[in-house]
Amino acid sequence: MEYTREQLLEAKRQIDSTLHKLRATIQTFEAKEDARRYKSQITLAKRRVEAFTIAKELIGRELDRLEPVSYLPAHVLTADFPP
């Protein structure tokens, strides 16, 4: 399935927001007096962070594919070079 650049950027923005919240949740649970009590919630949040990080990386690759980033000046990119 093809997604527009705008759809991918919005998905990335949402993932960034979710990652921020998940990391805050992990810190909160780990700071509790009896953190062992929250072990399953901490594990789940860490696994979600990993999954969302992978998704964000894949979205970044797709954005790069749609709009390759060039570090060459425009005049070099449009110049005619001999074969």
N, C-alpha and C. Protein backbone atom coordinates (compact mmCIF):
# COMPACT_ATOMS: atom_id res chain seq x y z
N MET A 1 0.84 -1.18 0.00
CA MET A 1 0.00 0.00 0.00
C MET A 1 0.88 1.24 0.00
N GLU A 2 0.51 2.22 -0.76
CA GLU A 2 1.26 3.47 -0.86
C GLU A 2 0.66 4.51 0.08
N TYR A 3 1.52 5.26 0.72
CA TYR A 3 1.09 6.34 1.62
C TYR A 3 1.68 7.65 1.12
N THR A 4 0.96 8.73 1.36
CA THR A 4 1.46 10.03 0.95
C THR A 4 2.52 10.48 1.95
N ARG A 5 3.32 11.45 1.53
CA ARG A 5 4.34 12.03 2.40
C ARG A 5 3.68 12.58 3.68
N GLU A 6 2.54 13.22 3.52
CA GLU A 6 1.84 13.81 4.66
C GLU A 6 1.36 12.74 5.64
N GLN A 7 0.86 11.63 5.11
CA GLN A 7 0.42 10.53 5.98
C GLN A 7 1.60 9.97 6.77
N LEU A 8 2.73 9.80 6.10
CA LEU A 8 3.92 9.27 6.77
C LEU A 8 4.44 10.23 7.83
N LEU A 9 4.45 11.51 7.51
CA LEU A 9 4.91 12.50 8.48
C LEU A 9 4.00 12.55 9.71
N GLU A 10 2.70 12.44 9.50
CA GLU A 10 1.76 12.44 10.62
C GLU A 10 1.93 11.17 11.46
N ALA A 11 2.11 10.05 10.80
CA ALA A 11 2.33 8.80 11.54
C ALA A 11 3.61 8.90 12.37
N LYS A 12 4.65 9.46 11.81
CA LYS A 12 5.91 9.64 12.53
C LYS A 12 5.71 10.56 13.72
N ARG A 13 4.94 11.63 13.54
CA ARG A 13 4.68 12.56 14.63
C ARG A 13 3.92 11.87 15.77
N GLN A 14 2.95 11.05 15.41
CA GLN A 14 2.18 10.32 16.41
C GLN A 14 3.05 9.30 17.15
N ILE A 15 3.93 8.65 16.43
CA ILE A 15 4.84 7.68 17.05
C ILE A 15 5.79 8.39 18.00
N ASP A 16 6.32 9.54 17.59
CA ASP A 16 7.19 10.32 18.48
C ASP A 16 6.47 10.66 19.78
N SER A 17 5.23 11.08 19.67
CA SER A 17 4.44 11.43 20.85
C SER A 17 4.23 10.22 21.76
N THR A 18 3.88 9.10 21.14
CA THR A 18 3.66 7.87 21.91
C THR A 18 4.94 7.40 22.58
N LEU A 19 6.07 7.49 21.86
CA LEU A 19 7.35 7.10 22.45
C LEU A 19 7.69 7.96 23.67
N HIS A 20 7.43 9.24 23.56
CA HIS A 20 7.69 10.15 24.68
C HIS A 20 6.87 9.73 25.91
N LYS A 21 5.60 9.44 25.69
CA LYS A 21 4.71 9.03 26.79
C LYS A 21 5.12 7.68 27.37
N LEU A 22 5.50 6.75 26.51
CA LEU A 22 5.92 5.43 27.00
C LEU A 22 7.19 5.52 27.85
N ARG A 23 8.14 6.33 27.39
CA ARG A 23 9.38 6.49 28.15
C ARG A 23 9.11 7.13 29.51
N ALA A 24 8.20 8.08 29.55
CA ALA A 24 7.82 8.70 30.82
C ALA A 24 7.15 7.68 31.73
N THR A 25 6.32 6.83 31.14
CA THR A 25 5.65 5.78 31.91
C THR A 25 6.66 4.81 32.51
N ILE A 26 7.64 4.42 31.72
CA ILE A 26 8.69 3.52 32.22
C ILE A 26 9.42 4.16 33.39
N GLN A 27 9.80 5.42 33.25
CA GLN A 27 10.50 6.11 34.34
C GLN A 27 9.63 6.17 35.60
N THR A 28 8.35 6.42 35.41
CA THR A 28 7.44 6.50 36.56
C THR A 28 7.36 5.16 37.28
N PHE A 29 7.16 4.09 36.53
CA PHE A 29 7.07 2.77 37.15
C PHE A 29 8.38 2.37 37.82
N GLU A 30 9.50 2.64 37.16
CA GLU A 30 10.79 2.26 37.73
C GLU A 30 11.13 3.07 38.97
N ALA A 31 10.55 4.24 39.11
CA ALA A 31 10.82 5.08 40.28
C ALA A 31 9.95 4.72 41.48
N LYS A 32 8.96 3.90 41.26
CA LYS A 32 8.07 3.51 42.37
C LYS A 32 8.86 2.79 43.45
N GLU A 33 8.34 2.85 44.64
CA GLU A 33 9.02 2.23 45.78
C GLU A 33 9.23 0.73 45.58
N ASP A 34 8.20 0.06 45.09
CA ASP A 34 8.31 -1.37 44.83
C ASP A 34 8.15 -1.61 43.33
N ALA A 35 9.21 -1.29 42.58
CA ALA A 35 9.15 -1.38 41.12
C ALA A 35 8.89 -2.80 40.64
N ARG A 36 9.28 -3.79 41.43
CA ARG A 36 9.05 -5.20 41.03
C ARG A 36 7.56 -5.47 40.83
N ARG A 37 6.76 -4.76 41.56
CA ARG A 37 5.31 -4.92 41.47
C ARG A 37 4.80 -4.55 40.07
N TYR A 38 5.54 -3.70 39.39
CA TYR A 38 5.14 -3.20 38.07
C TYR A 38 5.97 -3.82 36.94
N LYS A 39 6.61 -4.94 37.23
CA LYS A 39 7.51 -5.55 36.26
C LYS A 39 6.84 -5.83 34.91
N SER A 40 5.63 -6.37 34.93
CA SER A 40 4.97 -6.71 33.66
C SER A 40 4.62 -5.44 32.86
N GLN A 41 4.19 -4.39 33.55
CA GLN A 41 3.88 -3.13 32.86
C GLN A 41 5.14 -2.50 32.28
N ILE A 42 6.24 -2.57 33.03
CA ILE A 42 7.52 -2.03 32.56
C ILE A 42 7.99 -2.81 31.33
N THR A 43 7.91 -4.13 31.39
CA THR A 43 8.32 -4.97 30.27
C THR A 43 7.47 -4.66 29.03
N LEU A 44 6.17 -4.56 29.22
CA LEU A 44 5.28 -4.26 28.10
C LEU A 44 5.62 -2.90 27.48
N ALA A 45 5.83 -1.90 28.31
CA ALA A 45 6.16 -0.56 27.81
C ALA A 45 7.48 -0.57 27.06
N LYS A 46 8.48 -1.30 27.57
CA LYS A 46 9.78 -1.37 26.89
C LYS A 46 9.65 -2.07 25.54
N ARG A 47 8.84 -3.11 25.47
CA ARG A 47 8.62 -3.80 24.19
C ARG A 47 7.89 -2.90 23.20
N ARG A 48 6.98 -2.11 23.70
CA ARG A 48 6.28 -1.17 22.81
C ARG A 48 7.23 -0.09 22.31
N VAL A 49 8.12 0.38 23.18
CA VAL A 49 9.12 1.37 22.75
C VAL A 49 9.96 0.79 21.61
N GLU A 50 10.38 -0.46 21.76
CA GLU A 50 11.17 -1.11 20.72
C GLU A 50 10.38 -1.22 19.41
N ALA A 51 9.12 -1.63 19.50
CA ALA A 51 8.29 -1.78 18.30
C ALA A 51 8.05 -0.43 17.62
N PHE A 52 7.74 0.59 18.40
CA PHE A 52 7.51 1.91 17.81
C PHE A 52 8.79 2.51 17.25
N THR A 53 9.92 2.20 17.85
CA THR A 53 11.20 2.68 17.32
C THR A 53 11.47 2.06 15.96
N ILE A 54 11.18 0.78 15.81
CA ILE A 54 11.32 0.10 14.52
C ILE A 54 10.38 0.73 13.49
N ALA A 55 9.13 0.96 13.89
CA ALA A 55 8.16 1.56 12.97
C ALA A 55 8.62 2.95 12.52
N LYS A 56 9.16 3.72 13.45
CA LYS A 56 9.64 5.07 13.12
C LYS A 56 10.80 4.99 12.13
N GLU A 57 11.70 4.04 12.33
CA GLU A 57 12.83 3.84 11.42
C GLU A 57 12.34 3.47 10.02
N LEU A 58 11.36 2.58 9.95
CA LEU A 58 10.83 2.17 8.65
C LEU A 58 10.11 3.33 7.95
N ILE A 59 9.40 4.14 8.70
CA ILE A 59 8.76 5.32 8.11
C ILE A 59 9.82 6.27 7.58
N GLY A 60 10.90 6.44 8.33
CA GLY A 60 12.00 7.29 7.87
C GLY A 60 12.59 6.79 6.57
N ARG A 61 12.76 5.49 6.45
CA ARG A 61 13.27 4.91 5.20
C ARG A 61 12.33 5.17 4.04
N GLU A 62 11.04 5.03 4.31
CA GLU A 62 10.05 5.27 3.26
C GLU A 62 10.05 6.73 2.84
N LEU A 63 10.17 7.63 3.80
CA LEU A 63 10.25 9.06 3.46
C LEU A 63 11.49 9.34 2.63
N ASP A 64 12.62 8.72 2.98
CA ASP A 64 13.85 8.89 2.20
C ASP A 64 13.67 8.36 0.78
N ARG A 65 12.93 7.27 0.65
CA ARG A 65 12.69 6.69 -0.68
C ARG A 65 11.83 7.62 -1.52
N LEU A 66 10.84 8.25 -0.88
CA LEU A 66 9.97 9.17 -1.59
C LEU A 66 10.70 10.45 -1.99
N GLU A 67 11.54 10.93 -1.09
CA GLU A 67 12.28 12.17 -1.33
C GLU A 67 13.73 11.97 -0.91
N PRO A 68 14.53 11.39 -1.79
CA PRO A 68 15.93 11.16 -1.42
C PRO A 68 16.61 12.47 -1.04
N VAL A 69 17.35 12.42 0.04
CA VAL A 69 18.09 13.59 0.49
C VAL A 69 19.39 13.65 -0.27
N SER A 70 19.67 14.81 -0.82
CA SER A 70 20.90 14.98 -1.58
C SER A 70 21.78 16.00 -0.88
N TYR A 71 23.04 15.67 -0.79
CA TYR A 71 24.00 16.57 -0.16
C TYR A 71 24.85 17.28 -1.20
N LEU A 72 24.49 17.11 -2.47
CA LEU A 72 25.23 17.77 -3.55
C LEU A 72 24.52 19.05 -3.93
N PRO A 73 25.26 20.06 -4.33
CA PRO A 73 24.63 21.30 -4.78
C PRO A 73 23.76 21.04 -6.01
N ALA A 74 22.70 21.83 -6.16
CA ALA A 74 21.75 21.63 -7.26
C ALA A 74 22.41 21.68 -8.62
N HIS A 75 23.40 22.57 -8.81
CA HIS A 75 24.03 22.68 -10.13
C HIS A 75 24.79 21.41 -10.50
N VAL A 76 25.26 20.67 -9.50
CA VAL A 76 25.96 19.41 -9.77
C VAL A 76 24.95 18.34 -10.16
N LEU A 77 23.80 18.35 -9.52
CA LEU A 77 22.79 17.35 -9.81
C LEU A 77 22.19 17.51 -11.20
N THR A 78 22.15 18.71 -11.70
CA THR A 78 21.52 18.94 -13.00
C THR A 78 22.54 19.02 -14.13
N ALA A 79 23.82 18.94 -13.81
CA ALA A 79 24.87 19.04 -14.84
C ALA A 79 24.87 17.78 -15.70
N ASP A 80 25.18 17.96 -16.97
CA ASP A 80 25.30 16.83 -17.87
C ASP A 80 26.75 16.33 -17.81
N PHE A 81 26.89 15.07 -17.47
CA PHE A 81 28.22 14.46 -17.39
C PHE A 81 28.39 13.51 -18.55
N PRO A 82 29.60 13.44 -19.08
CA PRO A 82 29.83 12.49 -20.16
C PRO A 82 29.68 11.05 -19.63
N PRO A 83 29.25 10.14 -20.49
CA PRO A 83 29.06 8.74 -20.05
C PRO A 83 30.34 8.07 -19.66
